[in-house]
Amino acid sequence: MLNSLKAISLGVITILILGLVNQLVIIMSVVGYNSLTALSPDFVPWSQTFTYVIGGIGFFIVMAIGGLVTAREAAKQACLKAVIASVLGSSISLYLSLQNEIFTPVAFFFISFGVISSLIGCWLWQKYQQRVKDQGKAV
């Protein structure tokens, strides 16, 4: 039980901290992109697409790392704990940023995308562990 709480807590904390870093990267990227649009107005129609692409890639990376950290700390049922951590982490993040609009289709999409990303991070950690185990047997 204590191991489960530790794994989920570390996953949620990782998601929240890296989520803040991701938001900073998005803001800096958008400011840079707006500077580019001031020089060349041809890029103006793509500004919203640029923001969503940068944000989506960053969100995927944040959630995958959160799943990886959760799986690293979990002794058993790593994928289940990674899903719990991703739902909690993305829900807290969405609640703090959206507040009144948390039950929208976009919010549910991001939570679903976060769960899938977290499962990918968990899967990558398990593949890495299997590779390390196989190399240990070969030596």
N, C-alpha and C. Protein backbone atom coordinates (compact mmCIF):
# COMPACT_ATOMS: atom_id res chain seq x y z
N MET A 1 0.82 -1.20 0.00
CA MET A 1 0.00 0.00 0.00
C MET A 1 0.86 1.26 0.00
N LEU A 2 1.88 1.28 0.83
CA LEU A 2 2.77 2.44 0.92
C LEU A 2 3.53 2.64 -0.38
N ASN A 3 3.94 1.51 -1.00
CA ASN A 3 4.64 1.58 -2.27
C ASN A 3 3.74 2.17 -3.35
N SER A 4 2.46 1.80 -3.34
CA SER A 4 1.51 2.33 -4.32
C SER A 4 1.34 3.84 -4.16
N LEU A 5 1.18 4.29 -2.93
CA LEU A 5 1.03 5.73 -2.68
C LEU A 5 2.27 6.49 -3.10
N LYS A 6 3.43 5.91 -2.82
CA LYS A 6 4.69 6.55 -3.19
C LYS A 6 4.81 6.66 -4.72
N ALA A 7 4.51 5.59 -5.42
CA ALA A 7 4.61 5.59 -6.88
C ALA A 7 3.64 6.58 -7.50
N ILE A 8 2.40 6.57 -7.05
CA ILE A 8 1.38 7.49 -7.60
C ILE A 8 1.73 8.93 -7.26
N SER A 9 2.16 9.17 -6.02
CA SER A 9 2.52 10.53 -5.61
C SER A 9 3.69 11.07 -6.42
N LEU A 10 4.71 10.27 -6.62
CA LEU A 10 5.84 10.72 -7.42
C LEU A 10 5.44 10.98 -8.87
N GLY A 11 4.55 10.15 -9.40
CA GLY A 11 4.06 10.37 -10.75
C GLY A 11 3.29 11.67 -10.87
N VAL A 12 2.40 11.94 -9.92
CA VAL A 12 1.60 13.16 -9.95
C VAL A 12 2.50 14.39 -9.78
N ILE A 13 3.44 14.33 -8.86
CA ILE A 13 4.36 15.46 -8.64
C ILE A 13 5.20 15.71 -9.89
N THR A 14 5.66 14.64 -10.52
CA THR A 14 6.43 14.78 -11.75
C THR A 14 5.59 15.44 -12.84
N ILE A 15 4.36 15.01 -12.98
CA ILE A 15 3.46 15.58 -13.99
C ILE A 15 3.21 17.06 -13.72
N LEU A 16 2.97 17.42 -12.47
CA LEU A 16 2.68 18.82 -12.15
C LEU A 16 3.90 19.71 -12.37
N ILE A 17 5.07 19.27 -11.93
CA ILE A 17 6.28 20.09 -12.10
C ILE A 17 6.65 20.21 -13.57
N LEU A 18 6.68 19.10 -14.28
CA LEU A 18 7.01 19.16 -15.70
C LEU A 18 5.92 19.87 -16.50
N GLY A 19 4.68 19.81 -16.03
CA GLY A 19 3.61 20.56 -16.68
C GLY A 19 3.84 22.06 -16.60
N LEU A 20 4.34 22.52 -15.45
CA LEU A 20 4.67 23.95 -15.32
C LEU A 20 5.83 24.33 -16.24
N VAL A 21 6.82 23.46 -16.34
CA VAL A 21 7.93 23.71 -17.26
C VAL A 21 7.41 23.74 -18.69
N ASN A 22 6.51 22.82 -19.02
CA ASN A 22 5.92 22.78 -20.35
C ASN A 22 5.17 24.08 -20.66
N GLN A 23 4.43 24.60 -19.70
CA GLN A 23 3.71 25.86 -19.91
C GLN A 23 4.69 27.01 -20.16
N LEU A 24 5.80 27.01 -19.45
CA LEU A 24 6.82 28.04 -19.67
C LEU A 24 7.40 27.94 -21.08
N VAL A 25 7.66 26.73 -21.54
CA VAL A 25 8.18 26.52 -22.89
C VAL A 25 7.16 26.98 -23.92
N ILE A 26 5.90 26.69 -23.69
CA ILE A 26 4.84 27.12 -24.62
C ILE A 26 4.79 28.64 -24.69
N ILE A 27 4.82 29.29 -23.54
CA ILE A 27 4.76 30.75 -23.52
C ILE A 27 5.96 31.36 -24.25
N MET A 28 7.14 30.84 -23.97
CA MET A 28 8.33 31.37 -24.65
C MET A 28 8.26 31.11 -26.15
N SER A 29 7.76 29.96 -26.56
CA SER A 29 7.65 29.64 -27.98
C SER A 29 6.64 30.54 -28.67
N VAL A 30 5.52 30.80 -28.02
CA VAL A 30 4.50 31.66 -28.61
C VAL A 30 5.00 33.10 -28.72
N VAL A 31 5.72 33.56 -27.73
CA VAL A 31 6.30 34.90 -27.81
C VAL A 31 7.28 34.98 -28.98
N GLY A 32 8.12 33.97 -29.12
CA GLY A 32 9.04 33.92 -30.26
C GLY A 32 8.30 33.85 -31.59
N TYR A 33 7.24 33.07 -31.63
CA TYR A 33 6.46 32.95 -32.87
C TYR A 33 5.78 34.27 -33.21
N ASN A 34 5.28 34.97 -32.18
CA ASN A 34 4.66 36.28 -32.42
C ASN A 34 5.68 37.28 -32.93
N SER A 35 6.91 37.18 -32.48
CA SER A 35 7.98 38.03 -33.01
C SER A 35 8.22 37.71 -34.48
N LEU A 36 8.16 36.44 -34.81
CA LEU A 36 8.32 36.02 -36.21
C LEU A 36 7.18 36.54 -37.07
N THR A 37 5.97 36.51 -36.54
CA THR A 37 4.83 37.00 -37.33
C THR A 37 4.90 38.51 -37.53
N ALA A 38 5.56 39.21 -36.62
CA ALA A 38 5.73 40.65 -36.81
C ALA A 38 6.65 40.93 -38.00
N LEU A 39 7.63 40.06 -38.21
CA LEU A 39 8.55 40.21 -39.34
C LEU A 39 7.95 39.71 -40.64
N SER A 40 7.16 38.65 -40.56
CA SER A 40 6.57 38.05 -41.76
C SER A 40 5.11 37.70 -41.48
N PRO A 41 4.19 38.51 -41.93
CA PRO A 41 2.76 38.28 -41.66
C PRO A 41 2.22 36.99 -42.28
N ASP A 42 2.99 36.34 -43.14
CA ASP A 42 2.52 35.09 -43.74
C ASP A 42 2.33 33.98 -42.70
N PHE A 43 2.98 34.10 -41.55
CA PHE A 43 2.91 33.06 -40.51
C PHE A 43 1.73 33.26 -39.55
N VAL A 44 1.00 34.37 -39.67
CA VAL A 44 -0.10 34.66 -38.74
C VAL A 44 -1.18 33.58 -38.74
N PRO A 45 -1.63 33.07 -39.91
CA PRO A 45 -2.70 32.05 -39.87
C PRO A 45 -2.31 30.75 -39.17
N TRP A 46 -1.03 30.52 -39.01
CA TRP A 46 -0.57 29.26 -38.41
C TRP A 46 -0.28 29.38 -36.92
N SER A 47 -0.54 30.53 -36.32
CA SER A 47 -0.14 30.73 -34.92
C SER A 47 -0.89 29.80 -33.96
N GLN A 48 -2.19 29.59 -34.17
CA GLN A 48 -2.94 28.70 -33.29
C GLN A 48 -2.51 27.25 -33.47
N THR A 49 -2.26 26.85 -34.71
CA THR A 49 -1.77 25.49 -34.99
C THR A 49 -0.42 25.27 -34.33
N PHE A 50 0.45 26.27 -34.44
CA PHE A 50 1.78 26.18 -33.82
C PHE A 50 1.66 25.99 -32.30
N THR A 51 0.77 26.75 -31.68
CA THR A 51 0.59 26.66 -30.23
C THR A 51 0.10 25.27 -29.82
N TYR A 52 -0.88 24.73 -30.56
CA TYR A 52 -1.41 23.41 -30.23
C TYR A 52 -0.39 22.30 -30.48
N VAL A 53 0.41 22.42 -31.51
CA VAL A 53 1.43 21.40 -31.79
C VAL A 53 2.49 21.40 -30.70
N ILE A 54 2.99 22.58 -30.35
CA ILE A 54 4.00 22.67 -29.29
C ILE A 54 3.42 22.18 -27.96
N GLY A 55 2.21 22.61 -27.65
CA GLY A 55 1.57 22.18 -26.40
C GLY A 55 1.29 20.69 -26.37
N GLY A 56 0.84 20.12 -27.49
CA GLY A 56 0.54 18.69 -27.55
C GLY A 56 1.78 17.83 -27.41
N ILE A 57 2.85 18.24 -28.08
CA ILE A 57 4.11 17.49 -27.96
C ILE A 57 4.64 17.56 -26.54
N GLY A 58 4.60 18.76 -25.96
CA GLY A 58 5.06 18.91 -24.57
C GLY A 58 4.22 18.12 -23.60
N PHE A 59 2.91 18.12 -23.80
CA PHE A 59 2.01 17.37 -22.91
C PHE A 59 2.28 15.88 -23.01
N PHE A 60 2.49 15.39 -24.23
CA PHE A 60 2.82 13.97 -24.42
C PHE A 60 4.09 13.62 -23.67
N ILE A 61 5.12 14.44 -23.80
CA ILE A 61 6.39 14.17 -23.12
C ILE A 61 6.23 14.19 -21.61
N VAL A 62 5.50 15.19 -21.10
CA VAL A 62 5.27 15.30 -19.66
C VAL A 62 4.55 14.06 -19.12
N MET A 63 3.49 13.65 -19.80
CA MET A 63 2.71 12.52 -19.32
C MET A 63 3.47 11.20 -19.47
N ALA A 64 4.25 11.07 -20.53
CA ALA A 64 5.05 9.85 -20.70
C ALA A 64 6.11 9.75 -19.61
N ILE A 65 6.74 10.86 -19.28
CA ILE A 65 7.73 10.84 -18.19
C ILE A 65 7.04 10.56 -16.86
N GLY A 66 5.86 11.11 -16.66
CA GLY A 66 5.10 10.81 -15.44
C GLY A 66 4.78 9.33 -15.32
N GLY A 67 4.39 8.71 -16.43
CA GLY A 67 4.13 7.26 -16.43
C GLY A 67 5.39 6.47 -16.20
N LEU A 68 6.50 6.93 -16.75
CA LEU A 68 7.78 6.26 -16.57
C LEU A 68 8.22 6.31 -15.10
N VAL A 69 8.10 7.48 -14.49
CA VAL A 69 8.47 7.62 -13.07
C VAL A 69 7.58 6.76 -12.19
N THR A 70 6.30 6.75 -12.48
CA THR A 70 5.37 5.93 -11.70
C THR A 70 5.72 4.45 -11.83
N ALA A 71 5.99 4.01 -13.06
CA ALA A 71 6.33 2.60 -13.28
C ALA A 71 7.64 2.24 -12.62
N ARG A 72 8.58 3.17 -12.60
CA ARG A 72 9.88 2.91 -11.97
C ARG A 72 9.72 2.66 -10.48
N GLU A 73 8.81 3.36 -9.86
CA GLU A 73 8.63 3.25 -8.41
C GLU A 73 7.65 2.15 -8.00
N ALA A 74 6.83 1.71 -8.92
CA ALA A 74 5.80 0.72 -8.59
C ALA A 74 6.40 -0.68 -8.59
N ALA A 75 6.09 -1.44 -7.56
CA ALA A 75 6.57 -2.82 -7.49
C ALA A 75 5.67 -3.75 -8.30
N LYS A 76 4.38 -3.53 -8.24
CA LYS A 76 3.40 -4.35 -8.95
C LYS A 76 2.37 -3.44 -9.59
N GLN A 77 1.70 -3.94 -10.61
CA GLN A 77 0.63 -3.24 -11.30
C GLN A 77 1.05 -1.82 -11.70
N ALA A 78 2.19 -1.73 -12.37
CA ALA A 78 2.75 -0.43 -12.73
C ALA A 78 1.84 0.35 -13.67
N CYS A 79 1.23 -0.33 -14.62
CA CYS A 79 0.38 0.38 -15.60
C CYS A 79 -0.86 0.97 -14.93
N LEU A 80 -1.46 0.24 -14.02
CA LEU A 80 -2.62 0.76 -13.31
C LEU A 80 -2.25 2.00 -12.51
N LYS A 81 -1.12 1.95 -11.84
CA LYS A 81 -0.67 3.10 -11.05
C LYS A 81 -0.32 4.28 -11.95
N ALA A 82 0.24 4.00 -13.12
CA ALA A 82 0.55 5.07 -14.07
C ALA A 82 -0.73 5.73 -14.57
N VAL A 83 -1.77 4.95 -14.80
CA VAL A 83 -3.06 5.50 -15.23
C VAL A 83 -3.64 6.38 -14.13
N ILE A 84 -3.59 5.91 -12.90
CA ILE A 84 -4.12 6.70 -11.78
C ILE A 84 -3.35 8.00 -11.64
N ALA A 85 -2.02 7.93 -11.73
CA ALA A 85 -1.20 9.14 -11.62
C ALA A 85 -1.50 10.11 -12.76
N SER A 86 -1.68 9.59 -13.96
CA SER A 86 -1.94 10.48 -15.09
C SER A 86 -3.31 11.13 -14.99
N VAL A 87 -4.32 10.38 -14.55
CA VAL A 87 -5.66 10.97 -14.38
C VAL A 87 -5.62 12.04 -13.29
N LEU A 88 -4.99 11.74 -12.18
CA LEU A 88 -4.90 12.73 -11.09
C LEU A 88 -4.09 13.95 -11.52
N GLY A 89 -2.93 13.73 -12.12
CA GLY A 89 -2.07 14.85 -12.52
C GLY A 89 -2.70 15.73 -13.57
N SER A 90 -3.29 15.13 -14.60
CA SER A 90 -3.91 15.94 -15.64
C SER A 90 -5.19 16.60 -15.14
N SER A 91 -5.92 15.94 -14.26
CA SER A 91 -7.14 16.54 -13.71
C SER A 91 -6.81 17.75 -12.83
N ILE A 92 -5.81 17.62 -12.00
CA ILE A 92 -5.39 18.75 -11.16
C ILE A 92 -4.92 19.90 -12.04
N SER A 93 -4.12 19.60 -13.03
CA SER A 93 -3.60 20.63 -13.92
C SER A 93 -4.73 21.31 -14.69
N LEU A 94 -5.65 20.53 -15.22
CA LEU A 94 -6.78 21.11 -15.95
C LEU A 94 -7.68 21.93 -15.02
N TYR A 95 -7.91 21.44 -13.81
CA TYR A 95 -8.76 22.17 -12.88
C TYR A 95 -8.15 23.52 -12.55
N LEU A 96 -6.83 23.54 -12.32
CA LEU A 96 -6.19 24.80 -11.97
C LEU A 96 -6.16 25.78 -13.14
N SER A 97 -6.11 25.27 -14.37
CA SER A 97 -6.04 26.18 -15.50
C SER A 97 -7.41 26.52 -16.09
N LEU A 98 -8.38 25.62 -16.03
CA LEU A 98 -9.68 25.87 -16.64
C LEU A 98 -10.75 26.25 -15.63
N GLN A 99 -10.71 25.71 -14.45
CA GLN A 99 -11.64 25.89 -13.35
C GLN A 99 -13.11 25.70 -13.74
N ASN A 100 -13.75 26.64 -14.38
CA ASN A 100 -15.18 26.52 -14.65
C ASN A 100 -15.50 25.67 -15.87
N GLU A 101 -14.51 25.37 -16.69
CA GLU A 101 -14.75 24.64 -17.93
C GLU A 101 -14.11 23.26 -17.92
N ILE A 102 -14.05 22.61 -16.78
CA ILE A 102 -13.31 21.35 -16.68
C ILE A 102 -14.03 20.19 -17.36
N PHE A 103 -15.36 20.23 -17.47
CA PHE A 103 -16.10 19.12 -18.05
C PHE A 103 -16.44 19.40 -19.51
N THR A 104 -15.44 19.69 -20.29
CA THR A 104 -15.62 19.94 -21.72
C THR A 104 -15.03 18.77 -22.51
N PRO A 105 -15.42 18.61 -23.75
CA PRO A 105 -14.83 17.54 -24.58
C PRO A 105 -13.31 17.69 -24.73
N VAL A 106 -12.82 18.92 -24.79
CA VAL A 106 -11.38 19.13 -24.90
C VAL A 106 -10.67 18.63 -23.64
N ALA A 107 -11.26 18.89 -22.48
CA ALA A 107 -10.66 18.41 -21.22
C ALA A 107 -10.63 16.89 -21.18
N PHE A 108 -11.71 16.25 -21.59
CA PHE A 108 -11.74 14.79 -21.62
C PHE A 108 -10.74 14.23 -22.63
N PHE A 109 -10.57 14.93 -23.75
CA PHE A 109 -9.58 14.52 -24.73
C PHE A 109 -8.18 14.57 -24.13
N PHE A 110 -7.86 15.66 -23.43
CA PHE A 110 -6.52 15.77 -22.85
C PHE A 110 -6.30 14.75 -21.75
N ILE A 111 -7.30 14.44 -20.97
CA ILE A 111 -7.14 13.41 -19.95
C ILE A 111 -6.93 12.05 -20.62
N SER A 112 -7.70 11.76 -21.66
CA SER A 112 -7.52 10.49 -22.40
C SER A 112 -6.15 10.42 -23.05
N PHE A 113 -5.74 11.51 -23.68
CA PHE A 113 -4.42 11.58 -24.31
C PHE A 113 -3.32 11.42 -23.26
N GLY A 114 -3.55 12.00 -22.08
CA GLY A 114 -2.59 11.86 -20.99
C GLY A 114 -2.47 10.44 -20.49
N VAL A 115 -3.59 9.74 -20.41
CA VAL A 115 -3.57 8.33 -19.98
C VAL A 115 -2.80 7.49 -21.00
N ILE A 116 -3.07 7.71 -22.28
CA ILE A 116 -2.35 6.96 -23.32
C ILE A 116 -0.86 7.27 -23.28
N SER A 117 -0.51 8.53 -23.11
CA SER A 117 0.90 8.92 -23.04
C SER A 117 1.58 8.30 -21.83
N SER A 118 0.88 8.28 -20.71
CA SER A 118 1.42 7.70 -19.49
C SER A 118 1.63 6.19 -19.65
N LEU A 119 0.70 5.54 -20.30
CA LEU A 119 0.85 4.10 -20.56
C LEU A 119 2.05 3.83 -21.48
N ILE A 120 2.29 4.73 -22.42
CA ILE A 120 3.47 4.58 -23.28
C ILE A 120 4.74 4.71 -22.45
N GLY A 121 4.78 5.68 -21.53
CA GLY A 121 5.94 5.82 -20.64
C GLY A 121 6.13 4.59 -19.77
N CYS A 122 5.04 4.03 -19.25
CA CYS A 122 5.11 2.81 -18.45
C CYS A 122 5.64 1.65 -19.28
N TRP A 123 5.12 1.52 -20.49
CA TRP A 123 5.57 0.46 -21.39
C TRP A 123 7.06 0.60 -21.71
N LEU A 124 7.52 1.82 -21.95
CA LEU A 124 8.94 2.04 -22.24
C LEU A 124 9.81 1.63 -21.06
N TRP A 125 9.37 1.95 -19.84
CA TRP A 125 10.13 1.55 -18.67
C TRP A 125 10.18 0.03 -18.53
N GLN A 126 9.07 -0.63 -18.78
CA GLN A 126 9.04 -2.09 -18.68
C GLN A 126 9.93 -2.73 -19.75
N LYS A 127 9.94 -2.16 -20.96
CA LYS A 127 10.83 -2.67 -22.02
C LYS A 127 12.29 -2.48 -21.63
N TYR A 128 12.60 -1.34 -21.04
CA TYR A 128 13.97 -1.07 -20.60
C TYR A 128 14.38 -2.06 -19.52
N GLN A 129 13.50 -2.30 -18.57
CA GLN A 129 13.80 -3.24 -17.49
C GLN A 129 14.01 -4.65 -18.05
N GLN A 130 13.20 -5.04 -19.02
CA GLN A 130 13.35 -6.37 -19.63
C GLN A 130 14.68 -6.47 -20.36
N ARG A 131 15.07 -5.41 -21.05
CA ARG A 131 16.34 -5.41 -21.76
C ARG A 131 17.52 -5.50 -20.79
N VAL A 132 17.44 -4.80 -19.68
CA VAL A 132 18.49 -4.87 -18.66
C VAL A 132 18.56 -6.27 -18.08
N LYS A 133 17.40 -6.88 -17.84
CA LYS A 133 17.37 -8.23 -17.28
C LYS A 133 17.97 -9.23 -18.27
N ASP A 134 17.62 -9.07 -19.56
CA ASP A 134 18.16 -9.98 -20.59
C ASP A 134 19.66 -9.82 -20.75
N GLN A 135 20.16 -8.61 -20.64
CA GLN A 135 21.61 -8.39 -20.75
C GLN A 135 22.33 -8.97 -19.55
N GLY A 136 21.68 -8.93 -18.40
CA GLY A 136 22.29 -9.52 -17.20
C GLY A 136 22.41 -11.03 -17.30
N LYS A 137 21.46 -11.67 -17.96
CA LYS A 137 21.51 -13.12 -18.15
C LYS A 137 22.57 -13.50 -19.17
N ALA A 138 22.80 -12.61 -20.14
CA ALA A 138 23.76 -12.92 -21.21
C ALA A 138 25.20 -12.81 -20.74
N VAL A 139 25.44 -12.05 -19.71
CA VAL A 139 26.81 -11.83 -19.24
C VAL A 139 27.31 -12.96 -18.42
